[in-house]
Amino acid sequence: MRGARAASGFTLLETVMALVLLAVMLGMLFGGLRAGVSAWEAGSGRGDRADEVLLADSFVTKELTAAFPWRFKDPVAVKLAFRGERESLRFVSMRPAEIGGGGLAFVSLAFEPGQAGGPGRLVMRRVPADPEATDFASLDPAEAFTLLDGVSSARFSYFGAENEVEPLAWGDKWDFDQRLPTHVRLELALGGAKLPDLVVALRLGEEAGCYESSFQRICVPRR
């Protein structure tokens, strides 16, 4: 009997059961593979996103640490070229506007909201500094370079005071013509998740734009 059954092979029921077990095992295998691939893609995406944030922070830090106390051409009053708002900032950088070029650059950093309430972006504009300029109007038509996409909110704030008497404090606006803030802070949120604050100290004060001779002290844009 045993020899006859061995010669006849597997029964239909045994074959079906074997196929079912094989299907279950393959399903578990592919499920594990899908989970592994999804986890790898998610981790890779988070890593890429972190790199984008670090790169944007690096751009902002390099520009702000190179901020220069340029004076707009105004024969009547001293007007330092630094204007800070809650969602935008304009200043003069010692880094040239073009690769391989020289001179100073007008720079703007700004948050541009997305359409229909969607995520926006942090952008930068740069143009060569014009010695005859009386404001930052030349930045308006400049092409925007995206520093970071998917930004849900951005806020600039400024640390300093209008004069030597007032106490130092943070504020959402800087429009003091004769003073520069000591620090600039950038707060960013991506998809509702707030990132660590970026705080940058300005390396040069108002006196960096001045020089002295034996007869007088003059403060002018250096170029």
N, C-alpha and C. Protein backbone atom coordinates (compact mmCIF):
# COMPACT_ATOMS: atom_id res chain seq x y z
N MET A 1 0.83 -1.20 0.00
CA MET A 1 0.00 0.00 0.00
C MET A 1 0.87 1.25 0.00
N ARG A 2 1.87 1.26 0.86
CA ARG A 2 2.71 2.43 0.95
C ARG A 2 3.46 2.64 -0.37
N GLY A 3 3.91 1.57 -0.96
CA GLY A 3 4.60 1.72 -2.23
C GLY A 3 3.70 2.20 -3.32
N ALA A 4 2.44 1.72 -3.33
CA ALA A 4 1.49 2.16 -4.35
C ALA A 4 1.18 3.62 -4.21
N ARG A 5 1.04 4.16 -2.95
CA ARG A 5 0.73 5.59 -2.74
C ARG A 5 1.90 6.47 -3.15
N ALA A 6 3.13 6.00 -2.85
CA ALA A 6 4.29 6.78 -3.25
C ALA A 6 4.40 6.89 -4.76
N ALA A 7 4.02 5.82 -5.44
CA ALA A 7 4.10 5.83 -6.90
C ALA A 7 3.06 6.73 -7.51
N SER A 8 1.92 6.87 -6.83
CA SER A 8 0.84 7.67 -7.41
C SER A 8 1.05 9.17 -7.24
N GLY A 9 2.02 9.69 -6.37
CA GLY A 9 2.31 11.11 -6.18
C GLY A 9 1.39 11.78 -5.19
N PHE A 10 1.34 13.13 -5.22
CA PHE A 10 0.53 13.91 -4.29
C PHE A 10 -0.93 13.86 -4.70
N THR A 11 -1.79 13.94 -3.69
CA THR A 11 -3.22 14.05 -3.98
C THR A 11 -3.57 15.49 -4.30
N LEU A 12 -4.76 15.71 -4.83
CA LEU A 12 -5.22 17.07 -5.17
C LEU A 12 -5.27 17.95 -3.93
N LEU A 13 -5.74 17.39 -2.81
CA LEU A 13 -5.83 18.17 -1.57
C LEU A 13 -4.45 18.60 -1.10
N GLU A 14 -3.48 17.69 -1.16
CA GLU A 14 -2.12 18.02 -0.74
C GLU A 14 -1.52 19.12 -1.63
N THR A 15 -1.81 19.04 -2.93
CA THR A 15 -1.30 20.04 -3.86
C THR A 15 -1.89 21.42 -3.56
N VAL A 16 -3.22 21.45 -3.32
CA VAL A 16 -3.88 22.73 -3.01
C VAL A 16 -3.32 23.33 -1.73
N MET A 17 -3.14 22.50 -0.70
CA MET A 17 -2.61 22.98 0.57
C MET A 17 -1.19 23.53 0.39
N ALA A 18 -0.39 22.86 -0.41
CA ALA A 18 0.97 23.33 -0.66
C ALA A 18 0.97 24.68 -1.37
N LEU A 19 0.04 24.83 -2.35
CA LEU A 19 -0.05 26.11 -3.07
C LEU A 19 -0.51 27.23 -2.14
N VAL A 20 -1.46 26.92 -1.26
CA VAL A 20 -1.95 27.94 -0.30
C VAL A 20 -0.82 28.38 0.62
N LEU A 21 -0.08 27.41 1.16
CA LEU A 21 1.05 27.75 2.03
C LEU A 21 2.10 28.58 1.29
N LEU A 22 2.35 28.22 0.01
CA LEU A 22 3.32 28.97 -0.78
C LEU A 22 2.85 30.40 -1.00
N ALA A 23 1.54 30.57 -1.27
CA ALA A 23 1.00 31.91 -1.49
C ALA A 23 1.11 32.76 -0.23
N VAL A 24 0.80 32.13 0.93
CA VAL A 24 0.91 32.86 2.20
C VAL A 24 2.34 33.30 2.46
N MET A 25 3.28 32.39 2.20
CA MET A 25 4.69 32.72 2.43
C MET A 25 5.16 33.82 1.49
N LEU A 26 4.73 33.74 0.22
CA LEU A 26 5.11 34.79 -0.74
C LEU A 26 4.50 36.13 -0.36
N GLY A 27 3.22 36.09 0.12
CA GLY A 27 2.57 37.33 0.55
C GLY A 27 3.30 37.97 1.71
N MET A 28 3.72 37.15 2.69
CA MET A 28 4.46 37.68 3.82
C MET A 28 5.81 38.25 3.38
N LEU A 29 6.44 37.54 2.44
CA LEU A 29 7.74 37.99 1.95
C LEU A 29 7.63 39.34 1.25
N PHE A 30 6.66 39.45 0.32
CA PHE A 30 6.51 40.70 -0.41
C PHE A 30 6.02 41.82 0.49
N GLY A 31 5.18 41.49 1.49
CA GLY A 31 4.75 42.50 2.45
C GLY A 31 5.93 43.07 3.22
N GLY A 32 6.82 42.19 3.64
CA GLY A 32 8.02 42.65 4.34
C GLY A 32 8.91 43.50 3.45
N LEU A 33 9.02 43.09 2.17
CA LEU A 33 9.82 43.87 1.23
C LEU A 33 9.23 45.25 1.01
N ARG A 34 7.88 45.32 0.87
CA ARG A 34 7.23 46.62 0.67
C ARG A 34 7.44 47.51 1.88
N ALA A 35 7.31 46.94 3.08
CA ALA A 35 7.52 47.73 4.29
C ALA A 35 8.95 48.24 4.37
N GLY A 36 9.89 47.37 3.99
CA GLY A 36 11.29 47.78 4.02
C GLY A 36 11.58 48.89 3.02
N VAL A 37 11.04 48.74 1.80
CA VAL A 37 11.24 49.77 0.76
C VAL A 37 10.60 51.09 1.18
N SER A 38 9.39 51.02 1.74
CA SER A 38 8.71 52.24 2.18
C SER A 38 9.49 52.94 3.28
N ALA A 39 10.00 52.15 4.23
CA ALA A 39 10.79 52.74 5.32
C ALA A 39 12.07 53.36 4.78
N TRP A 40 12.70 52.69 3.82
CA TRP A 40 13.93 53.23 3.23
C TRP A 40 13.65 54.52 2.48
N GLU A 41 12.55 54.55 1.69
CA GLU A 41 12.20 55.76 0.94
C GLU A 41 11.86 56.90 1.89
N ALA A 42 11.13 56.58 2.99
CA ALA A 42 10.79 57.63 3.95
C ALA A 42 12.04 58.18 4.61
N GLY A 43 12.95 57.29 4.99
CA GLY A 43 14.19 57.74 5.60
C GLY A 43 15.03 58.55 4.64
N SER A 44 15.08 58.11 3.38
CA SER A 44 15.82 58.84 2.37
C SER A 44 15.22 60.21 2.14
N GLY A 45 13.85 60.26 2.11
CA GLY A 45 13.18 61.55 1.91
C GLY A 45 13.45 62.50 3.05
N ARG A 46 13.42 61.98 4.29
CA ARG A 46 13.72 62.84 5.44
C ARG A 46 15.16 63.33 5.39
N GLY A 47 16.07 62.47 4.96
CA GLY A 47 17.47 62.88 4.86
C GLY A 47 17.66 63.96 3.81
N ASP A 48 16.99 63.79 2.64
CA ASP A 48 17.09 64.80 1.59
C ASP A 48 16.51 66.13 2.06
N ARG A 49 15.39 66.05 2.79
CA ARG A 49 14.75 67.27 3.29
C ARG A 49 15.65 67.98 4.29
N ALA A 50 16.29 67.20 5.16
CA ALA A 50 17.20 67.79 6.13
C ALA A 50 18.38 68.46 5.43
N ASP A 51 18.87 67.85 4.36
CA ASP A 51 19.96 68.46 3.60
C ASP A 51 19.53 69.78 2.98
N GLU A 52 18.28 69.84 2.47
CA GLU A 52 17.77 71.07 1.87
C GLU A 52 17.69 72.19 2.92
N VAL A 53 17.22 71.84 4.12
CA VAL A 53 17.12 72.84 5.19
C VAL A 53 18.51 73.34 5.58
N LEU A 54 19.47 72.42 5.73
CA LEU A 54 20.83 72.82 6.09
C LEU A 54 21.45 73.71 5.02
N LEU A 55 21.18 73.41 3.76
CA LEU A 55 21.72 74.21 2.67
C LEU A 55 21.13 75.62 2.69
N ALA A 56 19.81 75.71 2.92
CA ALA A 56 19.16 77.03 3.00
C ALA A 56 19.72 77.82 4.18
N ASP A 57 19.87 77.17 5.33
CA ASP A 57 20.44 77.85 6.50
C ASP A 57 21.85 78.35 6.20
N SER A 58 22.62 77.56 5.45
CA SER A 58 23.97 77.96 5.11
C SER A 58 23.99 79.20 4.24
N PHE A 59 23.09 79.26 3.24
CA PHE A 59 23.00 80.42 2.36
C PHE A 59 22.66 81.67 3.17
N VAL A 60 21.65 81.56 4.03
CA VAL A 60 21.21 82.71 4.82
C VAL A 60 22.33 83.17 5.75
N THR A 61 22.99 82.23 6.40
CA THR A 61 24.06 82.57 7.33
C THR A 61 25.22 83.26 6.63
N LYS A 62 25.64 82.74 5.47
CA LYS A 62 26.76 83.33 4.75
C LYS A 62 26.45 84.75 4.31
N GLU A 63 25.22 84.97 3.84
CA GLU A 63 24.87 86.31 3.38
C GLU A 63 24.80 87.30 4.55
N LEU A 64 24.17 86.89 5.64
CA LEU A 64 24.00 87.81 6.77
C LEU A 64 25.33 88.11 7.46
N THR A 65 26.21 87.13 7.57
CA THR A 65 27.50 87.40 8.20
C THR A 65 28.38 88.29 7.31
N ALA A 66 28.00 88.42 6.04
CA ALA A 66 28.73 89.31 5.13
C ALA A 66 28.02 90.65 4.96
N ALA A 67 27.01 90.93 5.78
CA ALA A 67 26.27 92.19 5.68
C ALA A 67 27.21 93.38 5.89
N PHE A 68 27.05 94.40 5.05
CA PHE A 68 27.91 95.58 5.09
C PHE A 68 27.07 96.83 5.31
N PRO A 69 27.55 97.77 6.15
CA PRO A 69 26.79 98.99 6.43
C PRO A 69 26.87 100.03 5.32
N TRP A 70 26.36 99.67 4.17
CA TRP A 70 26.33 100.58 3.02
C TRP A 70 25.41 101.76 3.31
N ARG A 71 25.79 102.93 2.80
CA ARG A 71 24.96 104.12 2.96
C ARG A 71 24.41 104.53 1.60
N PHE A 72 23.08 104.64 1.53
CA PHE A 72 22.47 105.10 0.29
C PHE A 72 22.93 106.52 -0.01
N LYS A 73 22.96 106.87 -1.29
CA LYS A 73 23.39 108.20 -1.68
C LYS A 73 22.31 109.22 -1.35
N ASP A 74 22.50 109.90 -0.25
CA ASP A 74 21.55 110.92 0.21
C ASP A 74 22.37 112.06 0.82
N PRO A 75 22.35 113.25 0.19
CA PRO A 75 23.17 114.36 0.69
C PRO A 75 22.63 114.98 1.97
N VAL A 76 21.41 114.63 2.34
CA VAL A 76 20.78 115.28 3.48
C VAL A 76 20.92 114.49 4.77
N ALA A 77 20.72 113.15 4.69
CA ALA A 77 20.70 112.34 5.91
C ALA A 77 21.42 111.01 5.68
N VAL A 78 21.86 110.41 6.78
CA VAL A 78 22.47 109.08 6.74
C VAL A 78 21.37 108.03 6.64
N LYS A 79 21.44 107.18 5.62
CA LYS A 79 20.46 106.11 5.43
C LYS A 79 21.20 104.81 5.17
N LEU A 80 21.35 104.02 6.21
CA LEU A 80 21.99 102.72 6.04
C LEU A 80 21.09 101.80 5.23
N ALA A 81 21.70 101.03 4.33
CA ALA A 81 20.95 100.16 3.43
C ALA A 81 20.63 98.84 4.14
N PHE A 82 19.66 98.90 5.03
CA PHE A 82 19.19 97.71 5.74
C PHE A 82 17.72 97.93 6.08
N ARG A 83 16.85 97.08 5.53
CA ARG A 83 15.42 97.20 5.78
C ARG A 83 14.87 95.83 6.16
N GLY A 84 14.31 95.72 7.35
CA GLY A 84 13.81 94.44 7.82
C GLY A 84 12.32 94.46 8.07
N GLU A 85 11.62 93.49 7.54
CA GLU A 85 10.19 93.29 7.78
C GLU A 85 9.98 91.90 8.36
N ARG A 86 8.74 91.60 8.71
CA ARG A 86 8.44 90.31 9.33
C ARG A 86 8.71 89.14 8.39
N GLU A 87 8.42 89.31 7.08
CA GLU A 87 8.59 88.21 6.13
C GLU A 87 9.60 88.51 5.04
N SER A 88 10.37 89.58 5.19
CA SER A 88 11.38 89.90 4.18
C SER A 88 12.49 90.74 4.80
N LEU A 89 13.61 90.75 4.11
CA LEU A 89 14.79 91.45 4.60
C LEU A 89 15.64 91.87 3.41
N ARG A 90 16.11 93.14 3.44
CA ARG A 90 16.97 93.66 2.38
C ARG A 90 18.20 94.29 3.01
N PHE A 91 19.35 94.01 2.41
CA PHE A 91 20.59 94.53 2.95
C PHE A 91 21.67 94.47 1.87
N VAL A 92 22.88 94.87 2.23
CA VAL A 92 24.01 94.84 1.31
C VAL A 92 25.01 93.79 1.80
N SER A 93 25.44 92.95 0.89
CA SER A 93 26.38 91.88 1.21
C SER A 93 27.74 92.15 0.59
N MET A 94 28.79 91.77 1.33
CA MET A 94 30.15 91.90 0.78
C MET A 94 30.45 90.80 -0.24
N ARG A 95 29.58 89.82 -0.33
CA ARG A 95 29.77 88.77 -1.34
C ARG A 95 29.28 89.29 -2.68
N PRO A 96 30.04 89.14 -3.76
CA PRO A 96 29.64 89.69 -5.06
C PRO A 96 28.37 89.04 -5.59
N ALA A 97 27.66 89.78 -6.42
CA ALA A 97 26.40 89.28 -6.96
C ALA A 97 26.60 88.21 -8.02
N GLU A 98 27.75 88.19 -8.65
CA GLU A 98 28.02 87.22 -9.71
C GLU A 98 29.28 86.42 -9.39
N ILE A 99 29.26 85.15 -9.80
CA ILE A 99 30.42 84.29 -9.58
C ILE A 99 31.63 84.85 -10.34
N GLY A 100 32.72 85.01 -9.64
CA GLY A 100 33.92 85.54 -10.27
C GLY A 100 33.95 87.05 -10.35
N GLY A 101 32.85 87.70 -9.93
CA GLY A 101 32.79 89.15 -9.98
C GLY A 101 33.35 89.78 -8.72
N GLY A 102 33.24 91.08 -8.65
CA GLY A 102 33.72 91.81 -7.49
C GLY A 102 32.68 92.79 -7.01
N GLY A 103 33.05 93.56 -6.01
CA GLY A 103 32.13 94.56 -5.50
C GLY A 103 31.13 93.99 -4.52
N LEU A 104 30.18 94.85 -4.13
CA LEU A 104 29.14 94.47 -3.18
C LEU A 104 27.85 94.12 -3.92
N ALA A 105 26.89 93.58 -3.17
CA ALA A 105 25.62 93.16 -3.78
C ALA A 105 24.45 93.57 -2.92
N PHE A 106 23.36 94.02 -3.58
CA PHE A 106 22.09 94.19 -2.90
C PHE A 106 21.44 92.81 -2.80
N VAL A 107 20.96 92.45 -1.62
CA VAL A 107 20.40 91.11 -1.39
C VAL A 107 19.05 91.24 -0.71
N SER A 108 18.12 90.39 -1.11
CA SER A 108 16.84 90.30 -0.41
C SER A 108 16.55 88.84 -0.09
N LEU A 109 16.03 88.62 1.09
CA LEU A 109 15.53 87.31 1.52
C LEU A 109 14.06 87.50 1.84
N ALA A 110 13.22 86.61 1.33
CA ALA A 110 11.78 86.83 1.52
C ALA A 110 11.03 85.50 1.51
N PHE A 111 9.91 85.49 2.22
CA PHE A 111 8.98 84.36 2.19
C PHE A 111 7.87 84.69 1.21
N GLU A 112 7.66 83.80 0.24
CA GLU A 112 6.59 83.97 -0.74
C GLU A 112 5.54 82.89 -0.51
N PRO A 113 4.33 83.26 -0.05
CA PRO A 113 3.29 82.26 0.22
C PRO A 113 2.88 81.52 -1.06
N GLY A 114 2.39 80.30 -0.89
CA GLY A 114 1.92 79.52 -2.03
C GLY A 114 0.52 79.94 -2.45
N GLN A 115 0.07 79.41 -3.56
CA GLN A 115 -1.26 79.72 -4.05
C GLN A 115 -2.32 78.96 -3.27
N ALA A 116 -3.46 79.61 -3.09
CA ALA A 116 -4.61 79.00 -2.41
C ALA A 116 -4.25 78.47 -1.03
N GLY A 117 -3.39 79.20 -0.34
CA GLY A 117 -3.04 78.80 1.01
C GLY A 117 -2.08 77.63 1.11
N GLY A 118 -1.52 77.21 -0.02
CA GLY A 118 -0.58 76.09 -0.01
C GLY A 118 0.78 76.51 0.51
N PRO A 119 1.71 75.55 0.62
CA PRO A 119 3.06 75.87 1.11
C PRO A 119 3.77 76.83 0.17
N GLY A 120 4.57 77.70 0.76
CA GLY A 120 5.30 78.69 -0.02
C GLY A 120 6.76 78.33 -0.14
N ARG A 121 7.60 79.36 -0.26
CA ARG A 121 9.03 79.14 -0.42
C ARG A 121 9.82 80.32 0.13
N LEU A 122 11.05 80.04 0.50
CA LEU A 122 11.99 81.07 0.92
C LEU A 122 12.88 81.37 -0.28
N VAL A 123 12.94 82.64 -0.68
CA VAL A 123 13.68 82.99 -1.90
C VAL A 123 14.73 84.06 -1.60
N MET A 124 15.70 84.14 -2.50
CA MET A 124 16.74 85.15 -2.41
C MET A 124 16.89 85.84 -3.76
N ARG A 125 17.11 87.15 -3.73
CA ARG A 125 17.40 87.92 -4.93
C ARG A 125 18.71 88.67 -4.70
N ARG A 126 19.53 88.78 -5.75
CA ARG A 126 20.83 89.44 -5.62
C ARG A 126 21.13 90.22 -6.90
N VAL A 127 21.58 91.45 -6.75
CA VAL A 127 22.01 92.28 -7.88
C VAL A 127 23.24 93.06 -7.45
N PRO A 128 24.09 93.47 -8.40
CA PRO A 128 25.24 94.30 -8.03
C PRO A 128 24.78 95.60 -7.37
N ALA A 129 25.48 96.02 -6.35
CA ALA A 129 25.14 97.26 -5.65
C ALA A 129 25.46 98.47 -6.53
N ASP A 130 24.50 99.36 -6.67
CA ASP A 130 24.66 100.57 -7.47
C ASP A 130 25.09 101.73 -6.57
N PRO A 131 26.27 102.31 -6.80
CA PRO A 131 26.74 103.40 -5.94
C PRO A 131 25.81 104.61 -5.94
N GLU A 132 25.00 104.76 -6.98
CA GLU A 132 24.11 105.91 -7.07
C GLU A 132 22.72 105.62 -6.51
N ALA A 133 22.50 104.41 -6.03
CA ALA A 133 21.17 104.02 -5.57
C ALA A 133 20.76 104.79 -4.31
N THR A 134 19.48 105.09 -4.24
CA THR A 134 18.90 105.74 -3.06
C THR A 134 17.96 104.79 -2.32
N ASP A 135 17.73 103.59 -2.90
CA ASP A 135 16.89 102.58 -2.25
C ASP A 135 17.20 101.22 -2.87
N PHE A 136 16.37 100.22 -2.53
CA PHE A 136 16.58 98.85 -3.03
C PHE A 136 15.72 98.53 -4.26
N ALA A 137 15.30 99.55 -5.00
CA ALA A 137 14.37 99.33 -6.12
C ALA A 137 14.94 98.36 -7.17
N SER A 138 16.24 98.31 -7.32
CA SER A 138 16.83 97.44 -8.36
C SER A 138 16.64 95.96 -8.05
N LEU A 139 16.27 95.62 -6.81
CA LEU A 139 16.03 94.22 -6.47
C LEU A 139 14.68 93.72 -6.95
N ASP A 140 13.73 94.61 -7.14
CA ASP A 140 12.36 94.20 -7.47
C ASP A 140 12.25 93.37 -8.74
N PRO A 141 12.91 93.76 -9.85
CA PRO A 141 12.78 92.94 -11.08
C PRO A 141 13.74 91.76 -11.14
N ALA A 142 14.60 91.58 -10.13
CA ALA A 142 15.58 90.50 -10.17
C ALA A 142 14.91 89.14 -10.06
N GLU A 143 15.50 88.14 -10.71
CA GLU A 143 14.95 86.78 -10.66
C GLU A 143 15.15 86.18 -9.26
N ALA A 144 14.10 85.53 -8.76
CA ALA A 144 14.16 84.94 -7.43
C ALA A 144 14.80 83.55 -7.50
N PHE A 145 15.70 83.29 -6.58
CA PHE A 145 16.34 81.97 -6.46
C PHE A 145 15.75 81.28 -5.23
N THR A 146 15.17 80.10 -5.43
CA THR A 146 14.53 79.38 -4.34
C THR A 146 15.57 78.76 -3.41
N LEU A 147 15.52 79.15 -2.13
CA LEU A 147 16.38 78.55 -1.13
C LEU A 147 15.74 77.32 -0.50
N LEU A 148 14.41 77.37 -0.30
CA LEU A 148 13.73 76.25 0.35
C LEU A 148 12.27 76.24 -0.06
N ASP A 149 11.79 75.08 -0.54
CA ASP A 149 10.38 74.90 -0.92
C ASP A 149 9.60 74.30 0.26
N GLY A 150 8.26 74.34 0.13
CA GLY A 150 7.42 73.69 1.12
C GLY A 150 7.38 74.41 2.46
N VAL A 151 7.63 75.71 2.47
CA VAL A 151 7.65 76.49 3.71
C VAL A 151 6.23 76.94 4.04
N SER A 152 5.72 76.55 5.18
CA SER A 152 4.37 76.95 5.58
C SER A 152 4.35 78.32 6.25
N SER A 153 5.45 78.72 6.87
CA SER A 153 5.54 80.06 7.46
C SER A 153 7.00 80.42 7.66
N ALA A 154 7.28 81.73 7.63
CA ALA A 154 8.63 82.23 7.86
C ALA A 154 8.52 83.58 8.55
N ARG A 155 9.39 83.81 9.49
CA ARG A 155 9.36 85.07 10.24
C ARG A 155 10.77 85.53 10.54
N PHE A 156 11.08 86.77 10.13
CA PHE A 156 12.34 87.40 10.48
C PHE A 156 12.11 88.30 11.70
N SER A 157 13.10 88.37 12.57
CA SER A 157 13.06 89.32 13.68
C SER A 157 14.46 89.86 13.91
N TYR A 158 14.55 91.01 14.57
CA TYR A 158 15.80 91.76 14.64
C TYR A 158 16.08 92.20 16.08
N PHE A 159 17.33 92.05 16.49
CA PHE A 159 17.72 92.38 17.86
C PHE A 159 18.59 93.63 17.84
N GLY A 160 18.18 94.62 18.60
CA GLY A 160 18.95 95.85 18.65
C GLY A 160 18.11 96.96 19.25
N ALA A 161 18.54 98.20 19.04
CA ALA A 161 17.82 99.36 19.55
C ALA A 161 18.04 100.53 18.60
N GLU A 162 17.12 101.50 18.66
CA GLU A 162 17.19 102.66 17.77
C GLU A 162 18.38 103.55 18.08
N ASN A 163 18.78 103.60 19.36
CA ASN A 163 19.89 104.44 19.78
C ASN A 163 20.58 103.82 20.98
N GLU A 164 21.55 104.53 21.52
CA GLU A 164 22.31 104.01 22.65
C GLU A 164 21.53 104.02 23.96
N VAL A 165 20.44 104.78 24.01
CA VAL A 165 19.67 104.92 25.23
C VAL A 165 18.64 103.81 25.39
N GLU A 166 17.99 103.45 24.28
CA GLU A 166 16.93 102.44 24.32
C GLU A 166 17.50 101.06 24.64
N PRO A 167 16.76 100.23 25.38
CA PRO A 167 17.24 98.87 25.68
C PRO A 167 17.18 97.98 24.44
N LEU A 168 18.10 97.03 24.36
CA LEU A 168 18.11 96.09 23.25
C LEU A 168 16.92 95.14 23.36
N ALA A 169 16.29 94.84 22.23
CA ALA A 169 15.12 93.96 22.24
C ALA A 169 14.90 93.39 20.85
N TRP A 170 14.13 92.29 20.79
CA TRP A 170 13.75 91.70 19.52
C TRP A 170 12.51 92.40 18.97
N GLY A 171 12.47 92.58 17.65
CA GLY A 171 11.31 93.17 17.01
C GLY A 171 11.09 92.59 15.63
N ASP A 172 9.85 92.68 15.12
CA ASP A 172 9.52 92.13 13.80
C ASP A 172 9.86 93.08 12.67
N LYS A 173 10.35 94.27 12.98
CA LYS A 173 10.63 95.26 11.94
C LYS A 173 11.89 96.03 12.28
N TRP A 174 12.66 96.38 11.25
CA TRP A 174 13.83 97.22 11.45
C TRP A 174 13.86 98.29 10.37
N ASP A 175 13.59 99.53 10.77
CA ASP A 175 13.58 100.65 9.83
C ASP A 175 14.33 101.85 10.39
N PHE A 176 15.32 101.59 11.24
CA PHE A 176 16.15 102.66 11.80
C PHE A 176 17.26 102.98 10.82
N ASP A 177 17.22 104.16 10.22
CA ASP A 177 18.15 104.50 9.14
C ASP A 177 19.61 104.56 9.58
N GLN A 178 19.87 104.88 10.84
CA GLN A 178 21.24 105.11 11.26
C GLN A 178 21.81 104.00 12.13
N ARG A 179 21.08 102.91 12.24
CA ARG A 179 21.53 101.79 13.08
C ARG A 179 21.35 100.47 12.35
N LEU A 180 22.17 99.49 12.73
CA LEU A 180 22.01 98.12 12.27
C LEU A 180 21.66 97.24 13.46
N PRO A 181 20.87 96.20 13.26
CA PRO A 181 20.64 95.25 14.36
C PRO A 181 21.92 94.47 14.64
N THR A 182 22.03 93.96 15.84
CA THR A 182 23.20 93.14 16.16
C THR A 182 23.00 91.69 15.73
N HIS A 183 21.74 91.23 15.70
CA HIS A 183 21.41 89.85 15.33
C HIS A 183 20.14 89.82 14.48
N VAL A 184 20.06 88.82 13.64
CA VAL A 184 18.84 88.55 12.86
C VAL A 184 18.43 87.11 13.13
N ARG A 185 17.14 86.92 13.37
CA ARG A 185 16.62 85.57 13.64
C ARG A 185 15.62 85.18 12.55
N LEU A 186 15.71 83.95 12.10
CA LEU A 186 14.78 83.41 11.11
C LEU A 186 14.08 82.20 11.71
N GLU A 187 12.74 82.24 11.74
CA GLU A 187 11.93 81.13 12.23
C GLU A 187 11.19 80.53 11.03
N LEU A 188 11.35 79.24 10.82
CA LEU A 188 10.73 78.56 9.68
C LEU A 188 9.87 77.40 10.17
N ALA A 189 8.81 77.12 9.40
CA ALA A 189 7.98 75.95 9.65
C ALA A 189 7.74 75.26 8.32
N LEU A 190 7.87 73.94 8.32
CA LEU A 190 7.63 73.12 7.12
C LEU A 190 6.49 72.19 7.41
N GLY A 191 5.39 72.33 6.67
CA GLY A 191 4.25 71.46 6.88
C GLY A 191 3.69 71.54 8.29
N GLY A 192 3.79 72.69 8.91
CA GLY A 192 3.29 72.85 10.27
C GLY A 192 4.29 72.48 11.35
N ALA A 193 5.42 71.88 10.97
CA ALA A 193 6.45 71.50 11.94
C ALA A 193 7.49 72.61 12.02
N LYS A 194 7.66 73.19 13.20
CA LYS A 194 8.58 74.30 13.38
C LYS A 194 10.03 73.80 13.45
N LEU A 195 10.90 74.46 12.71
CA LEU A 195 12.32 74.12 12.72
C LEU A 195 13.04 74.90 13.82
N PRO A 196 14.21 74.46 14.22
CA PRO A 196 14.99 75.25 15.19
C PRO A 196 15.29 76.64 14.62
N ASP A 197 15.24 77.65 15.49
CA ASP A 197 15.50 79.02 15.05
C ASP A 197 16.94 79.17 14.56
N LEU A 198 17.09 79.97 13.49
CA LEU A 198 18.41 80.32 13.00
C LEU A 198 18.71 81.75 13.44
N VAL A 199 19.73 81.93 14.26
CA VAL A 199 20.11 83.26 14.76
C VAL A 199 21.52 83.57 14.24
N VAL A 200 21.65 84.71 13.55
CA VAL A 200 22.93 85.09 12.95
C VAL A 200 23.35 86.45 13.49
N ALA A 201 24.59 86.55 13.92
CA ALA A 201 25.14 87.82 14.40
C ALA A 201 25.77 88.57 13.23
N LEU A 202 25.42 89.85 13.09
CA LEU A 202 26.05 90.68 12.08
C LEU A 202 27.45 91.05 12.55
N ARG A 203 28.42 90.86 11.69
CA ARG A 203 29.82 91.01 12.11
C ARG A 203 30.30 92.46 12.09
N LEU A 204 29.66 93.30 11.28
CA LEU A 204 30.12 94.68 11.14
C LEU A 204 29.07 95.65 11.66
N GLY A 205 29.53 96.67 12.37
CA GLY A 205 28.63 97.71 12.85
C GLY A 205 28.63 98.91 11.92
N GLU A 206 27.93 99.96 12.32
CA GLU A 206 27.78 101.13 11.46
C GLU A 206 29.11 101.78 11.12
N GLU A 207 30.09 101.73 12.03
CA GLU A 207 31.37 102.41 11.81
C GLU A 207 32.22 101.76 10.74
N ALA A 208 31.88 100.56 10.32
CA ALA A 208 32.69 99.88 9.29
C ALA A 208 32.62 100.60 7.96
N GLY A 209 31.62 101.42 7.77
CA GLY A 209 31.49 102.15 6.51
C GLY A 209 32.15 103.51 6.54
N CYS A 210 32.97 103.79 7.54
CA CYS A 210 33.57 105.11 7.69
C CYS A 210 35.09 105.04 7.62
N TYR A 211 35.70 106.16 7.25
CA TYR A 211 37.15 106.26 7.31
C TYR A 211 37.51 107.67 7.79
N GLU A 212 38.70 107.80 8.29
CA GLU A 212 39.14 109.08 8.85
C GLU A 212 40.41 109.57 8.16
N SER A 213 40.51 110.88 8.00
CA SER A 213 41.73 111.51 7.53
C SER A 213 42.24 112.44 8.63
N SER A 214 43.26 113.20 8.33
CA SER A 214 43.81 114.11 9.34
C SER A 214 42.87 115.28 9.61
N PHE A 215 41.94 115.51 8.71
CA PHE A 215 41.10 116.69 8.83
C PHE A 215 39.64 116.39 9.15
N GLN A 216 39.15 115.23 8.72
CA GLN A 216 37.73 114.96 8.91
C GLN A 216 37.44 113.46 8.92
N ARG A 217 36.24 113.16 9.35
CA ARG A 217 35.77 111.77 9.38
C ARG A 217 34.59 111.67 8.42
N ILE A 218 34.69 110.75 7.46
CA ILE A 218 33.66 110.63 6.42
C ILE A 218 33.15 109.21 6.38
N CYS A 219 31.84 109.09 6.24
CA CYS A 219 31.22 107.77 6.10
C CYS A 219 30.57 107.69 4.74
N VAL A 220 31.08 106.84 3.88
CA VAL A 220 30.57 106.70 2.52
C VAL A 220 30.55 105.22 2.16
N PRO A 221 29.78 104.85 1.11
CA PRO A 221 29.86 103.46 0.63
C PRO A 221 31.25 103.17 0.07
N ARG A 222 31.84 102.07 0.49
CA ARG A 222 33.13 101.66 -0.07
C ARG A 222 32.90 100.81 -1.30
N ARG A 223 33.64 101.05 -2.35
CA ARG A 223 33.46 100.28 -3.58
C ARG A 223 34.78 100.20 -4.33
